[in-house]
Amino acid sequence: MEVFKNRRMDRTEFNDVNLGNARFINVNLAGATFEDVNLSGVSIQNANTKGLTIFGYDVHAWLKEQLAKDGCHLD
């Protein structure tokens, strides 16, 4: 596995790239756009979801609502 550490890759375009089974740890994806992506099996943990939309839906608001039903909270 190749490791990219302490690299600036902002404003980079990835086109026709396979990132299957990649790990992203302490990565800033703020403002990134994903189009025509396969997200099957993706797991997201400990993420700031403020402003995250999928198909135009506010994911942060939905997660906050779901967690409140479970007695948890989301900042």
PDB file of N, CA and C in Angstrom:
ATOM      1  N   MET A   1       0.847  -1.177   0.000  1.00  0.00           N
ATOM      2  CA  MET A   1       0.000   0.000   0.000  1.00  0.00           C
ATOM      3  C   MET A   1       0.891   1.238   0.000  1.00  0.00           C
ATOM      4  N   GLU A   2       0.606   2.145  -0.909  1.00  0.00           N
ATOM      5  CA  GLU A   2       1.342   3.416  -0.940  1.00  0.00           C
ATOM      6  C   GLU A   2       0.716   4.362   0.067  1.00  0.00           C
ATOM      7  N   VAL A   3       1.540   5.102   0.792  1.00  0.00           N
ATOM      8  CA  VAL A   3       1.061   6.019   1.822  1.00  0.00           C
ATOM      9  C   VAL A   3       1.385   7.447   1.404  1.00  0.00           C
ATOM     10  N   PHE A   4       0.359   8.306   1.416  1.00  0.00           N
ATOM     11  CA  PHE A   4       0.538   9.735   1.179  1.00  0.00           C
ATOM     12  C   PHE A   4       0.366  10.404   2.534  1.00  0.00           C
ATOM     13  N   LYS A   5       1.408  11.022   3.063  1.00  0.00           N
ATOM     14  CA  LYS A   5       1.343  11.611   4.387  1.00  0.00           C
ATOM     15  C   LYS A   5       1.874  13.043   4.333  1.00  0.00           C
ATOM     16  N   ASN A   6       1.179  13.919   5.043  1.00  0.00           N
ATOM     17  CA  ASN A   6       1.560  15.337   5.099  1.00  0.00           C
ATOM     18  C   ASN A   6       1.714  15.927   3.700  1.00  0.00           C
ATOM     19  N   ARG A   7       0.733  15.681   2.845  1.00  0.00           N
ATOM     20  CA  ARG A   7       0.753  16.196   1.476  1.00  0.00           C
ATOM     21  C   ARG A   7      -0.377  17.185   1.274  1.00  0.00           C
ATOM     22  N   ARG A   8      -0.134  18.193   0.503  1.00  0.00           N
ATOM     23  CA  ARG A   8      -1.181  19.130   0.080  1.00  0.00           C
ATOM     24  C   ARG A   8      -1.656  18.681  -1.280  1.00  0.00           C
ATOM     25  N   MET A   9      -2.912  18.329  -1.351  1.00  0.00           N
ATOM     26  CA  MET A   9      -3.487  17.901  -2.616  1.00  0.00           C
ATOM     27  C   MET A   9      -4.769  18.684  -2.893  1.00  0.00           C
ATOM     28  N   ASP A  10      -4.915  19.842  -2.214  1.00  0.00           N
ATOM     29  CA  ASP A  10      -6.096  20.653  -2.440  1.00  0.00           C
ATOM     30  C   ASP A  10      -6.123  21.120  -3.891  1.00  0.00           C
ATOM     31  N   ARG A  11      -7.336  21.294  -4.387  1.00  0.00           N
ATOM     32  CA  ARG A  11      -7.573  21.716  -5.772  1.00  0.00           C
ATOM     33  C   ARG A  11      -7.040  20.697  -6.775  1.00  0.00           C
ATOM     34  N   THR A  12      -7.009  19.416  -6.383  1.00  0.00           N
ATOM     35  CA  THR A  12      -6.582  18.333  -7.253  1.00  0.00           C
ATOM     36  C   THR A  12      -7.811  17.644  -7.819  1.00  0.00           C
ATOM     37  N   GLU A  13      -7.758  17.244  -9.053  1.00  0.00           N
ATOM     38  CA  GLU A  13      -8.859  16.497  -9.661  1.00  0.00           C
ATOM     39  C   GLU A  13      -8.435  15.043  -9.841  1.00  0.00           C
ATOM     40  N   PHE A  14      -9.284  14.145  -9.364  1.00  0.00           N
ATOM     41  CA  PHE A  14      -9.083  12.724  -9.565  1.00  0.00           C
ATOM     42  C   PHE A  14     -10.135  12.284 -10.578  1.00  0.00           C
ATOM     43  N   ASN A  15      -9.716  11.758 -11.704  1.00  0.00           N
ATOM     44  CA  ASN A  15     -10.645  11.368 -12.760  1.00  0.00           C
ATOM     45  C   ASN A  15     -10.328   9.940 -13.180  1.00  0.00           C
ATOM     46  N   ASP A  16     -11.329   9.066 -13.142  1.00  0.00           N
ATOM     47  CA  ASP A  16     -11.176   7.658 -13.501  1.00  0.00           C
ATOM     48  C   ASP A  16     -10.086   7.008 -12.648  1.00  0.00           C
ATOM     49  N   VAL A  17     -10.217   7.162 -11.312  1.00  0.00           N
ATOM     50  CA  VAL A  17      -9.241   6.663 -10.350  1.00  0.00           C
ATOM     51  C   VAL A  17      -9.909   5.621  -9.459  1.00  0.00           C
ATOM     52  N   ASN A  18      -9.208   4.544  -9.156  1.00  0.00           N
ATOM     53  CA  ASN A  18      -9.719   3.516  -8.260  1.00  0.00           C
ATOM     54  C   ASN A  18      -9.140   3.735  -6.868  1.00  0.00           C
ATOM     55  N   LEU A  19      -9.987   4.109  -5.913  1.00  0.00           N
ATOM     56  CA  LEU A  19      -9.567   4.273  -4.528  1.00  0.00           C
ATOM     57  C   LEU A  19     -10.214   3.211  -3.643  1.00  0.00           C
ATOM     58  N   GLY A  20     -10.628   2.104  -4.252  1.00  0.00           N
ATOM     59  CA  GLY A  20     -11.253   1.020  -3.501  1.00  0.00           C
ATOM     60  C   GLY A  20     -10.352   0.539  -2.382  1.00  0.00           C
ATOM     61  N   ASN A  21     -10.959   0.301  -1.215  1.00  0.00           N
ATOM     62  CA  ASN A  21     -10.258  -0.164  -0.017  1.00  0.00           C
ATOM     63  C   ASN A  21      -9.204   0.819   0.489  1.00  0.00           C
ATOM     64  N   ALA A  22      -9.282   2.079   0.057  1.00  0.00           N
ATOM     65  CA  ALA A  22      -8.368   3.110   0.568  1.00  0.00           C
ATOM     66  C   ALA A  22      -8.818   3.514   1.969  1.00  0.00           C
ATOM     67  N   ARG A  23      -7.902   4.012   2.761  1.00  0.00           N
ATOM     68  CA  ARG A  23      -8.209   4.530   4.094  1.00  0.00           C
ATOM     69  C   ARG A  23      -7.898   6.017   4.112  1.00  0.00           C
ATOM     70  N   PHE A  24      -8.809   6.791   4.655  1.00  0.00           N
ATOM     71  CA  PHE A  24      -8.612   8.230   4.793  1.00  0.00           C
ATOM     72  C   PHE A  24      -8.636   8.544   6.283  1.00  0.00           C
ATOM     73  N   ILE A  25      -7.517   8.984   6.832  1.00  0.00           N
ATOM     74  CA  ILE A  25      -7.408   9.280   8.259  1.00  0.00           C
ATOM     75  C   ILE A  25      -6.945  10.723   8.412  1.00  0.00           C
ATOM     76  N   ASN A  26      -7.707  11.505   9.184  1.00  0.00           N
ATOM     77  CA  ASN A  26      -7.398  12.916   9.405  1.00  0.00           C
ATOM     78  C   ASN A  26      -7.227  13.658   8.080  1.00  0.00           C
ATOM     79  N   VAL A  27      -8.242  13.516   7.221  1.00  0.00           N
ATOM     80  CA  VAL A  27      -8.223  14.103   5.881  1.00  0.00           C
ATOM     81  C   VAL A  27      -9.278  15.208   5.794  1.00  0.00           C
ATOM     82  N   ASN A  28      -8.925  16.330   5.209  1.00  0.00           N
ATOM     83  CA  ASN A  28      -9.848  17.444   5.024  1.00  0.00           C
ATOM     84  C   ASN A  28     -10.472  17.344   3.634  1.00  0.00           C
ATOM     85  N   LEU A  29     -11.755  17.019   3.594  1.00  0.00           N
ATOM     86  CA  LEU A  29     -12.495  16.963   2.330  1.00  0.00           C
ATOM     87  C   LEU A  29     -13.509  18.103   2.234  1.00  0.00           C
ATOM     88  N   ALA A  30     -13.351  19.131   3.075  1.00  0.00           N
ATOM     89  CA  ALA A  30     -14.287  20.256   3.082  1.00  0.00           C
ATOM     90  C   ALA A  30     -14.348  20.886   1.696  1.00  0.00           C
ATOM     91  N   GLY A  31     -15.560  21.049   1.197  1.00  0.00           N
ATOM     92  CA  GLY A  31     -15.759  21.684  -0.101  1.00  0.00           C
ATOM     93  C   GLY A  31     -15.535  20.760  -1.282  1.00  0.00           C
ATOM     94  N   ALA A  32     -15.205  19.498  -1.034  1.00  0.00           N
ATOM     95  CA  ALA A  32     -14.983  18.560  -2.139  1.00  0.00           C
ATOM     96  C   ALA A  32     -16.307  18.198  -2.805  1.00  0.00           C
ATOM     97  N   THR A  33     -16.234  17.840  -4.064  1.00  0.00           N
ATOM     98  CA  THR A  33     -17.407  17.401  -4.819  1.00  0.00           C
ATOM     99  C   THR A  33     -17.151  15.998  -5.339  1.00  0.00           C
ATOM    100  N   PHE A  34     -18.141  15.140  -5.162  1.00  0.00           N
ATOM    101  CA  PHE A  34     -18.055  13.770  -5.658  1.00  0.00           C
ATOM    102  C   PHE A  34     -19.157  13.572  -6.691  1.00  0.00           C
ATOM    103  N   GLU A  35     -18.804  13.181  -7.893  1.00  0.00           N
ATOM    104  CA  GLU A  35     -19.780  12.953  -8.957  1.00  0.00           C
ATOM    105  C   GLU A  35     -19.545  11.572  -9.553  1.00  0.00           C
ATOM    106  N   ASP A  36     -20.619  10.856  -9.817  1.00  0.00           N
ATOM    107  CA  ASP A  36     -20.531   9.529 -10.419  1.00  0.00           C
ATOM    108  C   ASP A  36     -19.575   8.630  -9.637  1.00  0.00           C
ATOM    109  N   VAL A  37     -19.804   8.517  -8.319  1.00  0.00           N
ATOM    110  CA  VAL A  37     -18.936   7.730  -7.454  1.00  0.00           C
ATOM    111  C   VAL A  37     -19.661   6.489  -6.936  1.00  0.00           C
ATOM    112  N   ASN A  38     -18.907   5.442  -6.685  1.00  0.00           N
ATOM    113  CA  ASN A  38     -19.427   4.224  -6.076  1.00  0.00           C
ATOM    114  C   ASN A  38     -19.102   4.295  -4.596  1.00  0.00           C
ATOM    115  N   LEU A  39     -20.115   4.504  -3.765  1.00  0.00           N
ATOM    116  CA  LEU A  39     -19.921   4.599  -2.326  1.00  0.00           C
ATOM    117  C   LEU A  39     -20.422   3.350  -1.599  1.00  0.00           C
ATOM    118  N   SER A  40     -20.648   2.266  -2.322  1.00  0.00           N
ATOM    119  CA  SER A  40     -21.140   1.049  -1.682  1.00  0.00           C
ATOM    120  C   SER A  40     -20.104   0.530  -0.694  1.00  0.00           C
ATOM    121  N   GLY A  41     -20.557   0.198   0.493  1.00  0.00           N
ATOM    122  CA  GLY A  41     -19.679  -0.333   1.522  1.00  0.00           C
ATOM    123  C   GLY A  41     -18.815   0.696   2.221  1.00  0.00           C
ATOM    124  N   VAL A  42     -19.015   1.973   1.948  1.00  0.00           N
ATOM    125  CA  VAL A  42     -18.212   3.022   2.582  1.00  0.00           C
ATOM    126  C   VAL A  42     -18.653   3.176   4.042  1.00  0.00           C
ATOM    127  N   SER A  43     -17.693   3.327   4.937  1.00  0.00           N
ATOM    128  CA  SER A  43     -17.956   3.547   6.352  1.00  0.00           C
ATOM    129  C   SER A  43     -17.351   4.889   6.747  1.00  0.00           C
ATOM    130  N   ILE A  44     -18.153   5.728   7.401  1.00  0.00           N
ATOM    131  CA  ILE A  44     -17.677   7.042   7.835  1.00  0.00           C
ATOM    132  C   ILE A  44     -17.833   7.108   9.353  1.00  0.00           C
ATOM    133  N   GLN A  45     -16.734   7.406  10.049  1.00  0.00           N
ATOM    134  CA  GLN A  45     -16.730   7.480  11.503  1.00  0.00           C
ATOM    135  C   GLN A  45     -16.128   8.812  11.935  1.00  0.00           C
ATOM    136  N   ASN A  46     -16.644   9.374  13.020  1.00  0.00           N
ATOM    137  CA  ASN A  46     -16.076  10.595  13.619  1.00  0.00           C
ATOM    138  C   ASN A  46     -15.880  11.707  12.591  1.00  0.00           C
ATOM    139  N   ALA A  47     -16.944  12.051  11.877  1.00  0.00           N
ATOM    140  CA  ALA A  47     -16.845  13.043  10.808  1.00  0.00           C
ATOM    141  C   ALA A  47     -17.680  14.283  11.121  1.00  0.00           C
ATOM    142  N   ASN A  48     -17.187  15.436  10.711  1.00  0.00           N
ATOM    143  CA  ASN A  48     -17.948  16.676  10.771  1.00  0.00           C
ATOM    144  C   ASN A  48     -18.845  16.682   9.539  1.00  0.00           C
ATOM    145  N   THR A  49     -20.154  16.584   9.745  1.00  0.00           N
ATOM    146  CA  THR A  49     -21.092  16.488   8.628  1.00  0.00           C
ATOM    147  C   THR A  49     -21.835  17.789   8.348  1.00  0.00           C
ATOM    148  N   LYS A  50     -21.461  18.869   9.025  1.00  0.00           N
ATOM    149  CA  LYS A  50     -22.151  20.150   8.805  1.00  0.00           C
ATOM    150  C   LYS A  50     -21.984  20.571   7.347  1.00  0.00           C
ATOM    151  N   GLY A  51     -23.105  20.813   6.674  1.00  0.00           N
ATOM    152  CA  GLY A  51     -23.084  21.231   5.282  1.00  0.00           C
ATOM    153  C   GLY A  51     -23.026  20.076   4.288  1.00  0.00           C
ATOM    154  N   LEU A  52     -22.942  18.827   4.773  1.00  0.00           N
ATOM    155  CA  LEU A  52     -22.895  17.672   3.884  1.00  0.00           C
ATOM    156  C   LEU A  52     -24.271  17.421   3.274  1.00  0.00           C
ATOM    157  N   THR A  53     -24.313  17.371   1.967  1.00  0.00           N
ATOM    158  CA  THR A  53     -25.556  17.027   1.286  1.00  0.00           C
ATOM    159  C   THR A  53     -25.312  15.836   0.368  1.00  0.00           C
ATOM    160  N   ILE A  54     -26.324  14.989   0.273  1.00  0.00           N
ATOM    161  CA  ILE A  54     -26.316  13.887  -0.681  1.00  0.00           C
ATOM    162  C   ILE A  54     -27.623  13.979  -1.441  1.00  0.00           C
ATOM    163  N   PHE A  55     -27.537  14.063  -2.756  1.00  0.00           N
ATOM    164  CA  PHE A  55     -28.700  14.249  -3.627  1.00  0.00           C
ATOM    165  C   PHE A  55     -29.542  15.443  -3.184  1.00  0.00           C
ATOM    166  N   GLY A  56     -28.872  16.469  -2.639  1.00  0.00           N
ATOM    167  CA  GLY A  56     -29.553  17.684  -2.215  1.00  0.00           C
ATOM    168  C   GLY A  56     -30.123  17.621  -0.806  1.00  0.00           C
ATOM    169  N   TYR A  57     -30.023  16.485  -0.136  1.00  0.00           N
ATOM    170  CA  TYR A  57     -30.556  16.343   1.217  1.00  0.00           C
ATOM    171  C   TYR A  57     -29.483  16.695   2.250  1.00  0.00           C
ATOM    172  N   ASP A  58     -29.911  17.398   3.298  1.00  0.00           N
ATOM    173  CA  ASP A  58     -29.017  17.807   4.379  1.00  0.00           C
ATOM    174  C   ASP A  58     -28.752  16.610   5.289  1.00  0.00           C
ATOM    175  N   VAL A  59     -27.631  15.971   5.120  1.00  0.00           N
ATOM    176  CA  VAL A  59     -27.284  14.768   5.872  1.00  0.00           C
ATOM    177  C   VAL A  59     -27.092  15.075   7.353  1.00  0.00           C
ATOM    178  N   HIS A  60     -26.472  16.207   7.664  1.00  0.00           N
ATOM    179  CA  HIS A  60     -26.235  16.573   9.067  1.00  0.00           C
ATOM    180  C   HIS A  60     -27.562  16.679   9.826  1.00  0.00           C
ATOM    181  N   ALA A  61     -28.546  17.348   9.236  1.00  0.00           N
ATOM    182  CA  ALA A  61     -29.851  17.504   9.888  1.00  0.00           C
ATOM    183  C   ALA A  61     -30.511  16.145  10.096  1.00  0.00           C
ATOM    184  N   TRP A  62     -30.419  15.281   9.102  1.00  0.00           N
ATOM    185  CA  TRP A  62     -31.021  13.949   9.214  1.00  0.00           C
ATOM    186  C   TRP A  62     -30.337  13.134  10.309  1.00  0.00           C
ATOM    187  N   LEU A  63     -28.993  13.158  10.329  1.00  0.00           N
ATOM    188  CA  LEU A  63     -28.259  12.420  11.359  1.00  0.00           C
ATOM    189  C   LEU A  63     -28.601  12.948  12.755  1.00  0.00           C
ATOM    190  N   LYS A  64     -28.676  14.261  12.878  1.00  0.00           N
ATOM    191  CA  LYS A  64     -29.002  14.874  14.160  1.00  0.00           C
ATOM    192  C   LYS A  64     -30.371  14.398  14.643  1.00  0.00           C
ATOM    193  N   GLU A  65     -31.327  14.361  13.730  1.00  0.00           N
ATOM    194  CA  GLU A  65     -32.686  13.903  14.059  1.00  0.00           C
ATOM    195  C   GLU A  65     -32.685  12.423  14.468  1.00  0.00           C
ATOM    196  N   GLN A  66     -31.978  11.611  13.729  1.00  0.00           N
ATOM    197  CA  GLN A  66     -31.935  10.175  14.028  1.00  0.00           C
ATOM    198  C   GLN A  66     -31.252   9.905  15.368  1.00  0.00           C
ATOM    199  N   LEU A  67     -30.148  10.594  15.632  1.00  0.00           N
ATOM    200  CA  LEU A  67     -29.440  10.409  16.888  1.00  0.00           C
ATOM    201  C   LEU A  67     -30.266  10.887  18.077  1.00  0.00           C
ATOM    202  N   ALA A  68     -31.036  11.958  17.893  1.00  0.00           N
ATOM    203  CA  ALA A  68     -31.897  12.454  18.965  1.00  0.00           C
ATOM    204  C   ALA A  68     -32.942  11.396  19.331  1.00  0.00           C
ATOM    205  N   LYS A  69     -33.441  10.678  18.329  1.00  0.00           N
ATOM    206  CA  LYS A  69     -34.404   9.597  18.591  1.00  0.00           C
ATOM    207  C   LYS A  69     -33.765   8.496  19.432  1.00  0.00           C
ATOM    208  N   ASP A  70     -32.457   8.333  19.291  1.00  0.00           N
ATOM    209  CA  ASP A  70     -31.723   7.313  20.047  1.00  0.00           C
ATOM    210  C   ASP A  70     -31.189   7.845  21.371  1.00  0.00           C
ATOM    211  N   GLY A  71     -31.520   9.115  21.695  1.00  0.00           N
ATOM    212  CA  GLY A  71     -31.045   9.706  22.926  1.00  0.00           C
ATOM    213  C   GLY A  71     -29.614  10.201  22.866  1.00  0.00           C
ATOM    214  N   CYS A  72     -29.087  10.338  21.667  1.00  0.00           N
ATOM    215  CA  CYS A  72     -27.716  10.828  21.485  1.00  0.00           C
ATOM    216  C   CYS A  72     -27.777  12.252  20.935  1.00  0.00           C
ATOM    217  N   HIS A  73     -26.629  12.870  20.770  1.00  0.00           N
ATOM    218  CA  HIS A  73     -26.603  14.211  20.196  1.00  0.00           C
ATOM    219  C   HIS A  73     -25.478  14.336  19.178  1.00  0.00           C
ATOM    220  N   LEU A  74     -25.622  15.297  18.306  1.00  0.00           N
ATOM    221  CA  LEU A  74     -24.632  15.602  17.267  1.00  0.00           C
ATOM    222  C   LEU A  74     -24.399  17.089  17.312  1.00  0.00           C
ATOM    223  N   ASP A  75     -23.140  17.496  17.388  1.00  0.00           N
ATOM    224  CA  ASP A  75     -22.815  18.926  17.429  1.00  0.00           C
ATOM    225  C   ASP A  75     -23.114  19.607  16.130  1.00  0.00           C
TER     226      ASP A  75
END
